[in-house]
Amino acid sequence: MSEVKKIATRESYGNALVELGRAHEDLVVLDADLAGATKTGVFKKVFPDRHVDCGIAESNMAGIAAGLATCGKVPFMSSFAMFAAGRAFEQVRNSIGYPHLNVKIGATHAGISVGEDGATHQCNEDLALMRTIPGMVVINPCDDVEAKAAVKAAYEYEGPVYLRFGRLAIPVINNEEDYKFEIGKGIVLREGADVTIAATGLCVNESLGAAEMLAKDGIAAEVINIHTIKPLDEELIIASANKTGKVVTVEEHSVIGGLGSAVCDCLSEHAPAKVMKIGVYDRFGESGPAAQLIKKYELDAESIYKKVKAFI
């Protein structure tokens, strides 16, 4: 059996920017002294005149991006999620969100899988923060193929977009040749009638693994990849909940305000169902190897399997 290809979605982000840059001269990239880590450095090498290092000043970078957008450019501002969504929240809200400017935010190093950088850099609140900004699209791709497609879709979309990427290399589960990305449209990866597992980001692959384990116990889990947290594919969520009667959400993010909250908002209004949220339970992260942290915080396939089995 051949080894599964693994790529960090931050790598996908950098590569996608180069591809788009060749086709679109209005695309510019901003970074906050982290081009090597966010992988926008690959864009800088090819298009040095269209890359701006704003220094360790993320809030100022948001203002610069807003200004460039008013001049007809399509800026992608890049930094760690903790800084892009956290430190610069006010400027993103007031300078980008409020005037609904065409700025794209490429936020890397999100979630527990940042690893050794620890709690101060492991942003588990960014999806919640960005969801609250009116008109902000929020995307969290699950692998390399989806991440590159998401960057392209973000460029083509007129308005602010938040893109969440990870540091850890994760399995590529989509086939690039036939993969189709559409903002706001979830993807059913596995049909099932006993329970719905709605997952996002790196948790999609782990949820597929959990579904395999559940199948051996005679439990048919429907696995849905929710790459767009906002706008949420409510039609798909409602249809699946009506079919299975039980819903589990899985995310590398706080269970407060992220995918789980978005799904609960939807179902409580349109199709009340029993829901369990799997994610980071009202706690900070800690320093350690990414794979070990994912297991400790129970976001790995085996942990998801045990929780879902107990739930149903």
Protein backbone atom coordinates (compact mmCIF):
# COMPACT_ATOMS: atom_id res chain seq x y z
CA MET A 1 0.00 0.00 0.00
CA SER A 2 1.43 3.37 -1.00
CA GLU A 3 2.02 5.98 1.69
CA VAL A 4 -0.58 8.73 1.99
CA LYS A 5 0.67 12.07 0.73
CA LYS A 6 0.82 14.73 3.45
CA ILE A 7 1.04 18.49 2.91
CA ALA A 8 0.50 21.39 5.31
CA THR A 9 -2.26 23.70 4.10
CA ARG A 10 0.01 26.71 4.74
CA GLU A 11 2.21 25.28 1.96
CA SER A 12 -0.87 25.06 -0.26
CA TYR A 13 -1.61 28.71 0.48
CA GLY A 14 1.79 29.89 -0.69
CA ASN A 15 1.70 27.76 -3.84
CA ALA A 16 -1.83 28.90 -4.71
CA LEU A 17 -0.83 32.56 -4.38
CA VAL A 18 1.96 32.06 -6.94
CA GLU A 19 -0.43 30.39 -9.40
CA LEU A 20 -2.98 33.17 -8.99
CA GLY A 21 -0.30 35.84 -9.16
CA ARG A 22 0.72 34.67 -12.62
CA ALA A 23 -2.85 35.04 -13.86
CA HIS A 24 -3.87 38.21 -12.01
CA GLU A 25 -1.67 41.29 -11.83
CA ASP A 26 -3.99 42.97 -9.31
CA LEU A 27 -3.20 40.37 -6.65
CA VAL A 28 -0.82 41.63 -3.94
CA VAL A 29 0.41 39.87 -0.82
CA LEU A 30 1.10 41.41 2.58
CA ASP A 31 2.91 39.73 5.44
CA ALA A 32 3.86 40.65 9.00
CA ASP A 33 7.49 39.49 9.18
CA LEU A 34 6.46 35.83 8.87
CA ALA A 35 6.80 35.12 5.14
CA GLY A 36 8.90 32.03 5.79
CA ALA A 37 6.32 30.54 8.14
CA THR A 38 3.15 31.57 6.29
CA LYS A 39 4.78 30.48 3.01
CA THR A 40 4.09 33.78 1.28
CA GLY A 41 7.84 33.88 0.81
CA VAL A 42 7.41 31.75 -2.31
CA PHE A 43 5.22 34.51 -3.77
CA LYS A 44 7.82 37.11 -2.81
CA LYS A 45 10.51 35.26 -4.76
CA VAL A 46 8.43 35.28 -7.94
CA PHE A 47 6.76 38.69 -7.51
CA PRO A 48 8.98 40.81 -5.24
CA ASP A 49 7.27 44.05 -6.34
CA ARG A 50 3.86 42.72 -5.30
CA HIS A 51 4.83 41.54 -1.83
CA VAL A 52 4.86 43.92 1.13
CA ASP A 53 6.47 43.05 4.46
CA CYS A 54 4.60 45.18 6.99
CA GLY A 55 6.78 44.13 9.90
CA ILE A 56 5.46 42.98 13.26
CA ALA A 57 2.43 45.25 12.97
CA GLU A 58 -0.59 43.18 12.04
CA SER A 59 -3.15 45.88 12.83
CA ASN A 60 -1.35 48.30 10.54
CA MET A 61 -1.20 45.57 7.87
CA ALA A 62 -5.00 45.32 7.97
CA GLY A 63 -5.24 49.05 7.33
CA ILE A 64 -2.78 48.84 4.44
CA ALA A 65 -4.75 45.96 2.94
CA ALA A 66 -7.94 47.99 3.22
CA GLY A 67 -6.30 50.92 1.46
CA LEU A 68 -5.02 48.74 -1.37
CA ALA A 69 -8.51 47.27 -1.82
CA THR A 70 -9.96 50.76 -2.30
CA CYS A 71 -7.43 51.26 -5.12
CA GLY A 72 -8.57 48.22 -7.07
CA LYS A 73 -6.03 45.71 -5.79
CA VAL A 74 -6.90 42.31 -4.34
CA PRO A 75 -4.77 42.05 -1.20
CA PHE A 76 -4.09 38.83 0.70
CA MET A 77 -2.88 39.78 4.18
CA SER A 78 -1.05 36.98 5.94
CA SER A 79 0.01 36.11 9.47
CA PHE A 80 -0.59 33.51 12.17
CA ALA A 81 -4.28 33.11 13.03
CA MET A 82 -3.62 34.38 16.55
CA PHE A 83 -2.42 37.69 15.13
CA ALA A 84 -4.52 38.01 11.97
CA ALA A 85 -7.82 37.28 13.76
CA GLY A 86 -6.86 38.09 17.34
CA ARG A 87 -4.45 41.00 17.47
CA ALA A 88 -5.88 42.76 14.42
CA PHE A 89 -9.55 42.07 15.16
CA GLU A 90 -10.57 45.71 15.56
CA GLN A 91 -8.94 46.78 12.30
CA VAL A 92 -10.31 43.75 10.44
CA ARG A 93 -13.78 44.56 11.76
CA ASN A 94 -13.76 48.33 11.25
CA SER A 95 -11.42 48.84 8.28
CA ILE A 96 -12.25 45.71 6.26
CA GLY A 97 -15.56 44.26 7.43
CA TYR A 98 -17.55 47.44 8.01
CA PRO A 99 -16.90 48.89 4.50
CA HIS A 100 -17.09 45.32 3.08
CA LEU A 101 -13.76 45.64 1.27
CA ASN A 102 -12.28 43.04 -1.04
CA VAL A 103 -9.55 41.86 1.35
CA LYS A 104 -8.55 38.24 1.87
CA ILE A 105 -7.04 37.14 5.17
CA GLY A 106 -4.69 34.16 4.97
CA ALA A 107 -4.35 32.97 8.57
CA THR A 108 -1.85 30.17 9.13
CA HIS A 109 -0.75 28.22 12.22
CA ALA A 110 -4.30 27.86 13.54
CA GLY A 111 -5.42 25.45 16.24
CA ILE A 112 -3.75 22.95 18.56
CA SER A 113 -1.62 21.49 15.74
CA VAL A 114 0.68 24.52 15.93
CA GLY A 115 2.44 22.29 18.44
CA GLU A 116 5.50 23.44 20.33
CA ASP A 117 4.69 27.17 20.05
CA GLY A 118 2.14 26.60 22.78
CA ALA A 119 -1.02 28.26 24.05
CA THR A 120 -0.12 31.84 23.11
CA HIS A 121 0.10 30.87 19.43
CA GLN A 122 -2.54 28.12 19.23
CA CYS A 123 -5.56 30.12 18.15
CA ASN A 124 -8.74 28.19 18.91
CA GLU A 125 -10.96 31.25 18.81
CA ASP A 126 -10.49 32.63 15.28
CA LEU A 127 -13.51 31.01 13.62
CA ALA A 128 -15.74 32.41 16.35
CA LEU A 129 -14.23 35.89 16.02
CA MET A 130 -14.50 36.01 12.24
CA ARG A 131 -18.05 34.56 12.22
CA THR A 132 -19.25 37.58 14.17
CA ILE A 133 -18.14 40.10 11.55
CA PRO A 134 -21.09 40.87 9.21
CA GLY A 135 -20.42 39.83 5.62
CA MET A 136 -17.20 37.93 6.39
CA VAL A 137 -16.82 34.58 4.61
CA VAL A 138 -15.02 32.01 6.79
CA ILE A 139 -13.26 29.03 5.18
CA ASN A 140 -11.31 26.17 6.80
CA PRO A 141 -10.02 23.70 4.16
CA CYS A 142 -9.29 20.06 4.99
CA ASP A 143 -6.30 19.34 2.75
CA ASP A 144 -3.92 20.61 0.06
CA VAL A 145 -6.35 20.23 -2.84
CA GLU A 146 -9.15 21.99 -1.03
CA ALA A 147 -6.88 24.74 0.30
CA LYS A 148 -5.64 25.69 -3.16
CA ALA A 149 -9.19 25.66 -4.52
CA ALA A 150 -10.32 27.80 -1.58
CA VAL A 151 -7.66 30.45 -2.26
CA LYS A 152 -8.79 30.64 -5.88
CA ALA A 153 -12.44 30.91 -4.84
CA ALA A 154 -11.55 33.63 -2.34
CA TYR A 155 -9.86 35.67 -5.07
CA GLU A 156 -12.92 35.35 -7.30
CA TYR A 157 -15.31 36.32 -4.50
CA GLU A 158 -16.00 40.06 -4.13
CA GLY A 159 -15.73 40.87 -0.43
CA PRO A 160 -13.80 39.96 2.72
CA VAL A 161 -12.75 36.34 3.21
CA TYR A 162 -11.02 34.64 6.15
CA LEU A 163 -8.98 31.57 5.18
CA ARG A 164 -7.70 29.26 7.93
CA PHE A 165 -4.56 27.17 7.34
CA GLY A 166 -2.47 24.82 9.48
CA ARG A 167 1.17 24.22 10.25
CA LEU A 168 1.02 20.43 10.41
CA ALA A 169 1.35 18.30 7.28
CA ILE A 170 -1.94 16.41 6.87
CA PRO A 171 -3.19 13.70 4.47
CA VAL A 172 -4.44 14.71 1.03
CA ILE A 173 -7.88 13.13 0.78
CA ASN A 174 -9.30 14.90 -2.28
CA ASN A 175 -8.58 14.12 -5.91
CA GLU A 176 -7.43 17.33 -7.62
CA GLU A 177 -8.70 16.25 -11.05
CA ASP A 178 -12.37 15.98 -10.08
CA TYR A 179 -12.55 18.13 -6.95
CA LYS A 180 -14.97 21.04 -7.06
CA PHE A 181 -14.98 23.80 -4.44
CA GLU A 182 -17.94 26.10 -3.93
CA ILE A 183 -18.17 28.67 -1.15
CA GLY A 184 -20.98 27.76 1.24
CA LYS A 185 -21.47 24.20 -0.05
CA GLY A 186 -20.54 21.25 2.14
CA ILE A 187 -19.50 17.89 0.72
CA VAL A 188 -20.84 14.48 1.73
CA LEU A 189 -17.78 12.23 1.83
CA ARG A 190 -19.52 9.15 3.22
CA GLU A 191 -23.21 8.25 3.26
CA GLY A 192 -24.79 7.01 6.47
CA ALA A 193 -28.12 6.72 8.27
CA ASP A 194 -27.26 6.38 11.97
CA VAL A 195 -25.37 9.59 12.80
CA THR A 196 -24.10 12.69 11.03
CA ILE A 197 -20.49 13.74 11.57
CA ALA A 198 -19.94 17.30 10.34
CA ALA A 199 -16.23 18.10 10.39
CA THR A 200 -13.92 20.86 9.25
CA GLY A 201 -10.19 21.28 8.62
CA LEU A 202 -7.82 18.50 9.64
CA CYS A 203 -10.67 16.88 11.60
CA VAL A 204 -12.29 15.80 8.32
CA ASN A 205 -9.70 13.08 7.73
CA GLU A 206 -9.84 12.02 11.38
CA SER A 207 -13.63 11.80 11.16
CA LEU A 208 -13.39 9.56 8.11
CA GLY A 209 -11.11 7.30 10.12
CA ALA A 210 -13.61 7.27 12.96
CA ALA A 211 -16.41 6.40 10.53
CA GLU A 212 -14.42 3.36 9.36
CA MET A 213 -14.16 2.16 12.96
CA LEU A 214 -17.86 2.78 13.56
CA ALA A 215 -18.72 0.77 10.44
CA LYS A 216 -17.03 -2.28 11.98
CA ASP A 217 -19.49 -1.94 14.86
CA GLY A 218 -22.43 -1.77 12.46
CA ILE A 219 -22.87 1.99 12.80
CA ALA A 220 -23.29 3.89 9.53
CA ALA A 221 -21.94 7.41 9.98
CA GLU A 222 -22.53 10.10 7.39
CA VAL A 223 -19.41 12.26 7.14
CA ILE A 224 -19.76 15.81 5.82
CA ASN A 225 -16.88 18.11 5.04
CA ILE A 226 -17.91 21.63 6.06
CA HIS A 227 -15.12 23.69 4.57
CA THR A 228 -17.13 26.92 4.74
CA ILE A 229 -18.16 27.82 8.27
CA LYS A 230 -19.86 30.98 7.03
CA PRO A 231 -22.05 30.96 5.04
CA LEU A 232 -22.96 27.53 6.40
CA ASP A 233 -24.57 24.96 4.11
CA GLU A 234 -27.75 24.85 6.17
CA GLU A 235 -29.69 22.87 3.57
CA LEU A 236 -27.19 20.01 3.72
CA ILE A 237 -26.95 20.05 7.51
CA ILE A 238 -30.74 20.01 7.90
CA ALA A 239 -31.21 17.20 5.37
CA SER A 240 -28.60 15.02 7.04
CA ALA A 241 -29.94 15.72 10.54
CA ASN A 242 -33.44 14.79 9.42
CA LYS A 243 -32.09 11.53 8.03
CA THR A 244 -29.95 10.43 10.98
CA GLY A 245 -31.53 12.20 13.95
CA LYS A 246 -28.17 12.70 15.65
CA VAL A 247 -25.37 15.14 14.76
CA VAL A 248 -21.75 15.36 15.87
CA THR A 249 -19.54 18.32 14.96
CA VAL A 250 -15.75 18.00 14.99
CA GLU A 251 -13.31 20.89 14.84
CA GLU A 252 -9.79 21.87 15.85
CA HIS A 253 -11.23 24.94 17.53
CA SER A 254 -13.08 25.87 20.68
CA VAL A 255 -16.52 24.28 20.94
CA ILE A 256 -17.69 27.82 21.73
CA GLY A 257 -18.50 29.87 18.64
CA GLY A 258 -17.08 27.71 15.86
CA LEU A 259 -18.56 25.04 13.58
CA GLY A 260 -20.45 23.37 16.42
CA SER A 261 -22.14 26.61 17.40
CA ALA A 262 -23.00 27.39 13.78
CA VAL A 263 -24.58 23.97 13.32
CA CYS A 264 -26.51 24.27 16.59
CA ASP A 265 -27.79 27.71 15.55
CA CYS A 266 -29.05 26.20 12.32
CA LEU A 267 -30.65 23.07 13.75
CA SER A 268 -32.29 24.72 16.75
CA GLU A 269 -34.23 26.91 14.34
CA HIS A 270 -34.96 24.54 11.49
CA ALA A 271 -34.57 20.88 12.53
CA PRO A 272 -34.07 20.28 16.27
CA ALA A 273 -31.83 17.26 16.79
CA LYS A 274 -29.51 15.84 19.42
CA VAL A 275 -26.04 17.37 18.90
CA MET A 276 -22.62 16.65 20.39
CA LYS A 277 -19.76 19.07 19.82
CA ILE A 278 -16.21 17.71 19.68
CA GLY A 279 -13.41 20.26 19.84
CA VAL A 280 -11.38 22.16 22.42
CA TYR A 281 -13.48 22.32 25.59
CA ASP A 282 -13.10 25.80 27.10
CA ARG A 283 -9.37 25.48 27.75
CA PHE A 284 -6.10 26.80 26.38
CA GLY A 285 -3.62 24.72 24.44
CA GLU A 286 -0.15 23.74 25.57
CA SER A 287 3.29 23.11 24.14
CA GLY A 288 4.06 19.71 22.63
CA PRO A 289 4.36 17.70 19.40
CA ALA A 290 1.32 18.35 17.21
CA ALA A 291 0.31 14.71 16.79
CA GLN A 292 0.46 14.12 20.54
CA LEU A 293 -1.59 17.23 21.24
CA ILE A 294 -4.28 16.18 18.77
CA LYS A 295 -4.52 12.86 20.59
CA LYS A 296 -4.46 14.47 24.07
CA TYR A 297 -7.23 16.89 23.12
CA GLU A 298 -9.16 13.93 21.68
CA LEU A 299 -9.34 15.12 18.10
CA ASP A 300 -7.82 11.97 16.60
CA ALA A 301 -9.83 9.27 14.81
CA GLU A 302 -9.88 6.82 17.72
CA SER A 303 -11.07 9.44 20.21
CA ILE A 304 -13.77 10.65 17.83
CA TYR A 305 -14.88 7.05 17.30
CA LYS A 306 -15.22 6.43 21.05
CA LYS A 307 -17.16 9.65 21.63
CA VAL A 308 -19.54 9.11 18.74
CA LYS A 309 -20.18 5.50 19.73
CA ALA A 310 -21.00 6.56 23.30
CA PHE A 311 -23.19 9.37 22.00
CA ILE A 312 -25.46 7.13 19.94
